[in-house]
PDB file of all heavy atoms in Angstrom:
ATOM      1  N   ALA A   1     -11.987 -79.949  51.776  1.00  0.00           N
ATOM      2  CA  ALA A   1     -12.047 -81.119  52.652  1.00  0.00           C
ATOM      3  C   ALA A   1     -12.083 -82.414  51.860  1.00  0.00           C
ATOM      4  O   ALA A   1     -11.575 -83.447  52.308  1.00  0.00           O
ATOM      5  CB  ALA A   1     -13.283 -81.025  53.554  1.00  0.00           C
ATOM      6  N   ILE A   2     -12.678 -82.349  50.668  1.00  0.00           N
ATOM      7  CA  ILE A   2     -12.805 -83.549  49.838  1.00  0.00           C
ATOM      8  C   ILE A   2     -11.504 -83.893  49.133  1.00  0.00           C
ATOM      9  O   ILE A   2     -11.167 -85.082  48.983  1.00  0.00           O
ATOM     10  CB  ILE A   2     -13.934 -83.352  48.804  1.00  0.00           C
ATOM     11  CG1 ILE A   2     -15.295 -83.305  49.496  1.00  0.00           C
ATOM     12  CG2 ILE A   2     -13.920 -84.454  47.755  1.00  0.00           C
ATOM     13  CD1 ILE A   2     -16.427 -82.911  48.567  1.00  0.00           C
ATOM     14  N   ILE A   3     -10.757 -82.898  48.718  1.00  0.00           N
ATOM     15  CA  ILE A   3      -9.573 -83.132  47.882  1.00  0.00           C
ATOM     16  C   ILE A   3      -8.583 -84.123  48.501  1.00  0.00           C
ATOM     17  O   ILE A   3      -8.158 -85.076  47.832  1.00  0.00           O
ATOM     18  CB  ILE A   3      -8.872 -81.793  47.551  1.00  0.00           C
ATOM     19  CG1 ILE A   3      -9.720 -80.992  46.565  1.00  0.00           C
ATOM     20  CG2 ILE A   3      -7.482 -82.035  46.964  1.00  0.00           C
ATOM     21  CD1 ILE A   3      -9.181 -79.606  46.258  1.00  0.00           C
ATOM     22  N   PRO A   4      -8.158 -83.964  49.777  1.00  0.00           N
ATOM     23  CA  PRO A   4      -7.177 -84.919  50.318  1.00  0.00           C
ATOM     24  C   PRO A   4      -7.672 -86.356  50.334  1.00  0.00           C
ATOM     25  O   PRO A   4      -6.919 -87.278  50.006  1.00  0.00           O
ATOM     26  CB  PRO A   4      -6.943 -84.399  51.748  1.00  0.00           C
ATOM     27  CG  PRO A   4      -7.363 -82.976  51.714  1.00  0.00           C
ATOM     28  CD  PRO A   4      -8.480 -82.901  50.750  1.00  0.00           C
ATOM     29  N   ILE A   5      -8.941 -86.559  50.704  1.00  0.00           N
ATOM     30  CA  ILE A   5      -9.444 -87.924  50.819  1.00  0.00           C
ATOM     31  C   ILE A   5      -9.649 -88.550  49.445  1.00  0.00           C
ATOM     32  O   ILE A   5      -9.464 -89.752  49.264  1.00  0.00           O
ATOM     33  CB  ILE A   5     -10.748 -87.942  51.643  1.00  0.00           C
ATOM     34  CG1 ILE A   5     -10.973 -89.329  52.255  1.00  0.00           C
ATOM     35  CG2 ILE A   5     -11.937 -87.513  50.836  1.00  0.00           C
ATOM     36  CD1 ILE A   5      -9.972 -89.693  53.306  1.00  0.00           C
ATOM     37  N   VAL A   6     -10.001 -87.735  48.437  1.00  0.00           N
ATOM     38  CA  VAL A   6     -10.149 -88.257  47.080  1.00  0.00           C
ATOM     39  C   VAL A   6      -8.799 -88.677  46.519  1.00  0.00           C
ATOM     40  O   VAL A   6      -8.653 -89.756  45.920  1.00  0.00           O
ATOM     41  CB  VAL A   6     -10.818 -87.211  46.168  1.00  0.00           C
ATOM     42  CG1 VAL A   6     -10.726 -87.635  44.706  1.00  0.00           C
ATOM     43  CG2 VAL A   6     -12.277 -87.013  46.565  1.00  0.00           C
ATOM     44  N   ILE A   7      -7.784 -87.841  46.717  1.00  0.00           N
ATOM     45  CA  ILE A   7      -6.436 -88.185  46.254  1.00  0.00           C
ATOM     46  C   ILE A   7      -5.935 -89.449  46.938  1.00  0.00           C
ATOM     47  O   ILE A   7      -5.387 -90.359  46.303  1.00  0.00           O
ATOM     48  CB  ILE A   7      -5.471 -87.013  46.506  1.00  0.00           C
ATOM     49  CG1 ILE A   7      -5.866 -85.799  45.660  1.00  0.00           C
ATOM     50  CG2 ILE A   7      -4.030 -87.423  46.211  1.00  0.00           C
ATOM     51  CD1 ILE A   7      -5.044 -84.559  45.938  1.00  0.00           C
ATOM     52  N   PHE A   8      -6.137 -89.517  48.259  1.00  0.00           N
ATOM     53  CA  PHE A   8      -5.714 -90.693  49.015  1.00  0.00           C
ATOM     54  C   PHE A   8      -6.418 -91.946  48.512  1.00  0.00           C
ATOM     55  O   PHE A   8      -5.795 -92.999  48.343  1.00  0.00           O
ATOM     56  CB  PHE A   8      -6.023 -90.473  50.498  1.00  0.00           C
ATOM     57  CG  PHE A   8      -5.667 -91.633  51.393  1.00  0.00           C
ATOM     58  CD1 PHE A   8      -4.354 -91.869  51.754  1.00  0.00           C
ATOM     59  CD2 PHE A   8      -6.640 -92.489  51.859  1.00  0.00           C
ATOM     60  CE1 PHE A   8      -4.015 -92.939  52.566  1.00  0.00           C
ATOM     61  CE2 PHE A   8      -6.322 -93.559  52.672  1.00  0.00           C
ATOM     62  CZ  PHE A   8      -5.009 -93.787  53.032  1.00  0.00           C
ATOM     63  N   TYR A   9      -7.702 -91.837  48.246  1.00  0.00           N
ATOM     64  CA  TYR A   9      -8.462 -93.000  47.784  1.00  0.00           C
ATOM     65  C   TYR A   9      -8.022 -93.438  46.393  1.00  0.00           C
ATOM     66  O   TYR A   9      -7.860 -94.634  46.129  1.00  0.00           O
ATOM     67  CB  TYR A   9      -9.954 -92.685  47.785  1.00  0.00           C
ATOM     68  CG  TYR A   9     -10.800 -93.827  47.263  1.00  0.00           C
ATOM     69  CD1 TYR A   9     -11.088 -94.930  48.064  1.00  0.00           C
ATOM     70  CD2 TYR A   9     -11.294 -93.810  45.960  1.00  0.00           C
ATOM     71  CE1 TYR A   9     -11.846 -95.982  47.593  1.00  0.00           C
ATOM     72  CE2 TYR A   9     -12.062 -94.861  45.476  1.00  0.00           C
ATOM     73  CZ  TYR A   9     -12.330 -95.939  46.296  1.00  0.00           C
ATOM     74  OH  TYR A   9     -13.076 -96.976  45.819  1.00  0.00           O
ATOM     75  N   LEU A  10      -7.810 -92.488  45.478  1.00  0.00           N
ATOM     76  CA  LEU A  10      -7.412 -92.837  44.121  1.00  0.00           C
ATOM     77  C   LEU A  10      -6.056 -93.530  44.092  1.00  0.00           C
ATOM     78  O   LEU A  10      -5.819 -94.433  43.280  1.00  0.00           O
ATOM     79  CB  LEU A  10      -7.381 -91.579  43.252  1.00  0.00           C
ATOM     80  CG  LEU A  10      -8.739 -90.940  42.946  1.00  0.00           C
ATOM     81  CD1 LEU A  10      -8.549 -89.652  42.149  1.00  0.00           C
ATOM     82  CD2 LEU A  10      -9.646 -91.906  42.207  1.00  0.00           C
ATOM     83  N   ILE A  11      -5.166 -93.108  44.983  1.00  0.00           N
ATOM     84  CA  ILE A  11      -3.838 -93.725  45.039  1.00  0.00           C
ATOM     85  C   ILE A  11      -3.918 -95.155  45.582  1.00  0.00           C
ATOM     86  O   ILE A  11      -3.214 -96.053  45.115  1.00  0.00           O
ATOM     87  CB  ILE A  11      -2.887 -92.875  45.899  1.00  0.00           C
ATOM     88  CG1 ILE A  11      -2.628 -91.523  45.224  1.00  0.00           C
ATOM     89  CG2 ILE A  11      -1.565 -93.609  46.148  1.00  0.00           C
ATOM     90  CD1 ILE A  11      -1.817 -90.561  46.074  1.00  0.00           C
ATOM     91  N   CYS A  12      -4.800 -95.368  46.546  1.00  0.00           N
ATOM     92  CA  CYS A  12      -4.805 -96.640  47.275  1.00  0.00           C
ATOM     93  C   CYS A  12      -5.973 -97.551  46.938  1.00  0.00           C
ATOM     94  O   CYS A  12      -6.112 -98.608  47.561  1.00  0.00           O
ATOM     95  CB  CYS A  12      -4.820 -96.370  48.777  1.00  0.00           C
ATOM     96  SG  CYS A  12      -3.451 -95.370  49.381  1.00  0.00           S
ATOM     97  N   GLN A  13      -6.822 -97.198  45.968  1.00  0.00           N
ATOM     98  CA  GLN A  13      -8.042 -97.961  45.749  1.00  0.00           C
ATOM     99  C   GLN A  13      -7.767 -99.415  45.343  1.00  0.00           C
ATOM    100  O   GLN A  13      -8.541-100.321  45.683  1.00  0.00           O
ATOM    101  CB  GLN A  13      -8.904 -97.286  44.690  1.00  0.00           C
ATOM    102  CG  GLN A  13      -8.275 -97.197  43.311  1.00  0.00           C
ATOM    103  CD  GLN A  13      -9.215 -96.618  42.286  1.00  0.00           C
ATOM    104  OE1 GLN A  13     -10.423 -96.729  42.423  1.00  0.00           O
ATOM    105  NE2 GLN A  13      -8.682 -95.989  41.254  1.00  0.00           N
ATOM    106  N   LYS A  14      -6.678 -99.662  44.623  1.00  0.00           N
ATOM    107  CA  LYS A  14      -6.398-101.025  44.197  1.00  0.00           C
ATOM    108  C   LYS A  14      -6.142-101.950  45.375  1.00  0.00           C
ATOM    109  O   LYS A  14      -6.428-103.155  45.314  1.00  0.00           O
ATOM    110  CB  LYS A  14      -5.210-101.056  43.239  1.00  0.00           C
ATOM    111  CG  LYS A  14      -3.883-100.653  43.871  1.00  0.00           C
ATOM    112  CD  LYS A  14      -2.749-100.791  42.871  1.00  0.00           C
ATOM    113  CE  LYS A  14      -1.404-100.446  43.503  1.00  0.00           C
ATOM    114  NZ  LYS A  14      -0.292-100.609  42.543  1.00  0.00           N
ATOM    115  N   TYR A  15      -5.618-101.395  46.475  1.00  0.00           N
ATOM    116  CA  TYR A  15      -5.348-102.226  47.644  1.00  0.00           C
ATOM    117  C   TYR A  15      -6.635-102.645  48.333  1.00  0.00           C
ATOM    118  O   TYR A  15      -6.679-103.681  49.000  1.00  0.00           O
ATOM    119  CB  TYR A  15      -4.460-101.463  48.628  1.00  0.00           C
ATOM    120  CG  TYR A  15      -3.084-101.167  48.088  1.00  0.00           C
ATOM    121  CD1 TYR A  15      -2.734 -99.893  47.680  1.00  0.00           C
ATOM    122  CD2 TYR A  15      -2.128-102.176  47.973  1.00  0.00           C
ATOM    123  CE1 TYR A  15      -1.480 -99.615  47.186  1.00  0.00           C
ATOM    124  CE2 TYR A  15      -0.869-101.914  47.469  1.00  0.00           C
ATOM    125  CZ  TYR A  15      -0.546-100.623  47.080  1.00  0.00           C
ATOM    126  OH  TYR A  15       0.707-100.359  46.569  1.00  0.00           O
ATOM    127  N   ILE A  16      -7.697-101.852  48.205  1.00  0.00           N
ATOM    128  CA  ILE A  16      -8.975-102.234  48.799  1.00  0.00           C
ATOM    129  C   ILE A  16      -9.478-103.521  48.151  1.00  0.00           C
ATOM    130  O   ILE A  16      -9.865-104.479  48.819  1.00  0.00           O
ATOM    131  CB  ILE A  16     -10.020-101.112  48.631  1.00  0.00           C
ATOM    132  CG1 ILE A  16      -9.595 -99.877  49.415  1.00  0.00           C
ATOM    133  CG2 ILE A  16     -11.387-101.574  49.087  1.00  0.00           C
ATOM    134  CD1 ILE A  16     -10.569 -98.736  49.306  1.00  0.00           C
ATOM    135  N   ILE A  17      -9.458-103.552  46.818  1.00  0.00           N
ATOM    136  CA  ILE A  17      -9.941-104.731  46.100  1.00  0.00           C
ATOM    137  C   ILE A  17      -9.063-105.934  46.396  1.00  0.00           C
ATOM    138  O   ILE A  17      -9.554-107.032  46.680  1.00  0.00           O
ATOM    139  CB  ILE A  17      -9.972-104.443  44.581  1.00  0.00           C
ATOM    140  CG1 ILE A  17     -10.904-103.263  44.299  1.00  0.00           C
ATOM    141  CG2 ILE A  17     -10.417-105.677  43.807  1.00  0.00           C
ATOM    142  CD1 ILE A  17     -10.892-102.799  42.855  1.00  0.00           C
ATOM    143  N   GLU A  18      -7.750-105.758  46.357  1.00  0.00           N
ATOM    144  CA  GLU A  18      -6.831-106.871  46.618  1.00  0.00           C
ATOM    145  C   GLU A  18      -7.020-107.430  48.020  1.00  0.00           C
ATOM    146  O   GLU A  18      -7.081-108.646  48.223  1.00  0.00           O
ATOM    147  CB  GLU A  18      -5.382-106.409  46.434  1.00  0.00           C
ATOM    148  CG  GLU A  18      -5.009-106.069  44.990  1.00  0.00           C
ATOM    149  CD  GLU A  18      -3.593-105.567  44.871  1.00  0.00           C
ATOM    150  OE1 GLU A  18      -2.907-105.496  45.919  1.00  0.00           O
ATOM    151  OE2 GLU A  18      -3.164-105.251  43.758  1.00  0.00           O
ATOM    152  N   GLY A  19      -7.116-106.551  49.008  1.00  0.00           N
ATOM    153  CA  GLY A  19      -7.233-106.998  50.384  1.00  0.00           C
ATOM    154  C   GLY A  19      -8.543-107.679  50.681  1.00  0.00           C
ATOM    155  O   GLY A  19      -8.587-108.741  51.304  1.00  0.00           O
ATOM    156  N   VAL A  20      -9.652-107.104  50.213  1.00  0.00           N
ATOM    157  CA  VAL A  20     -10.959-107.687  50.483  1.00  0.00           C
ATOM    158  C   VAL A  20     -11.118-109.013  49.761  1.00  0.00           C
ATOM    159  O   VAL A  20     -11.611-110.000  50.325  1.00  0.00           O
ATOM    160  CB  VAL A  20     -12.080-106.712  50.069  1.00  0.00           C
ATOM    161  CG1 VAL A  20     -13.438-107.384  50.166  1.00  0.00           C
ATOM    162  CG2 VAL A  20     -12.045-105.481  50.966  1.00  0.00           C
ATOM    163  N   VAL A  21     -10.694-109.083  48.497  1.00  0.00           N
ATOM    164  CA  VAL A  21     -10.794-110.335  47.750  1.00  0.00           C
ATOM    165  C   VAL A  21      -9.937-111.413  48.371  1.00  0.00           C
ATOM    166  O   VAL A  21     -10.357-112.567  48.512  1.00  0.00           O
ATOM    167  CB  VAL A  21     -10.395-110.108  46.272  1.00  0.00           C
ATOM    168  CG1 VAL A  21     -10.274-111.453  45.543  1.00  0.00           C
ATOM    169  CG2 VAL A  21     -11.437-109.235  45.583  1.00  0.00           C
ATOM    170  N   ALA A  22      -8.708-111.065  48.767  1.00  0.00           N
ATOM    171  CA  ALA A  22      -7.821-112.055  49.386  1.00  0.00           C
ATOM    172  C   ALA A  22      -8.411-112.579  50.676  1.00  0.00           C
ATOM    173  O   ALA A  22      -8.401-113.784  50.964  1.00  0.00           O
ATOM    174  CB  ALA A  22      -6.452-111.448  49.644  1.00  0.00           C
ATOM    175  N   GLY A  23      -8.966-111.701  51.506  1.00  0.00           N
ATOM    176  CA  GLY A  23      -9.543-112.138  52.775  1.00  0.00           C
ATOM    177  C   GLY A  23     -10.808-112.936  52.585  1.00  0.00           C
ATOM    178  O   GLY A  23     -11.070-113.884  53.333  1.00  0.00           O
ATOM    179  N   ALA A  24     -11.618-112.589  51.567  1.00  0.00           N
ATOM    180  CA  ALA A  24     -12.882-113.265  51.372  1.00  0.00           C
ATOM    181  C   ALA A  24     -12.690-114.639  50.716  1.00  0.00           C
ATOM    182  O   ALA A  24     -13.291-115.638  51.116  1.00  0.00           O
ATOM    183  CB  ALA A  24     -13.805-112.413  50.511  1.00  0.00           C
TER     184      ALA A  24
END
């Protein structure tokens, strides 16, 4: 159950920082 969400997060983690910083 953890494997898909970990892979998804590792691929997309940079967008979290970019999006939150840009909005803030």
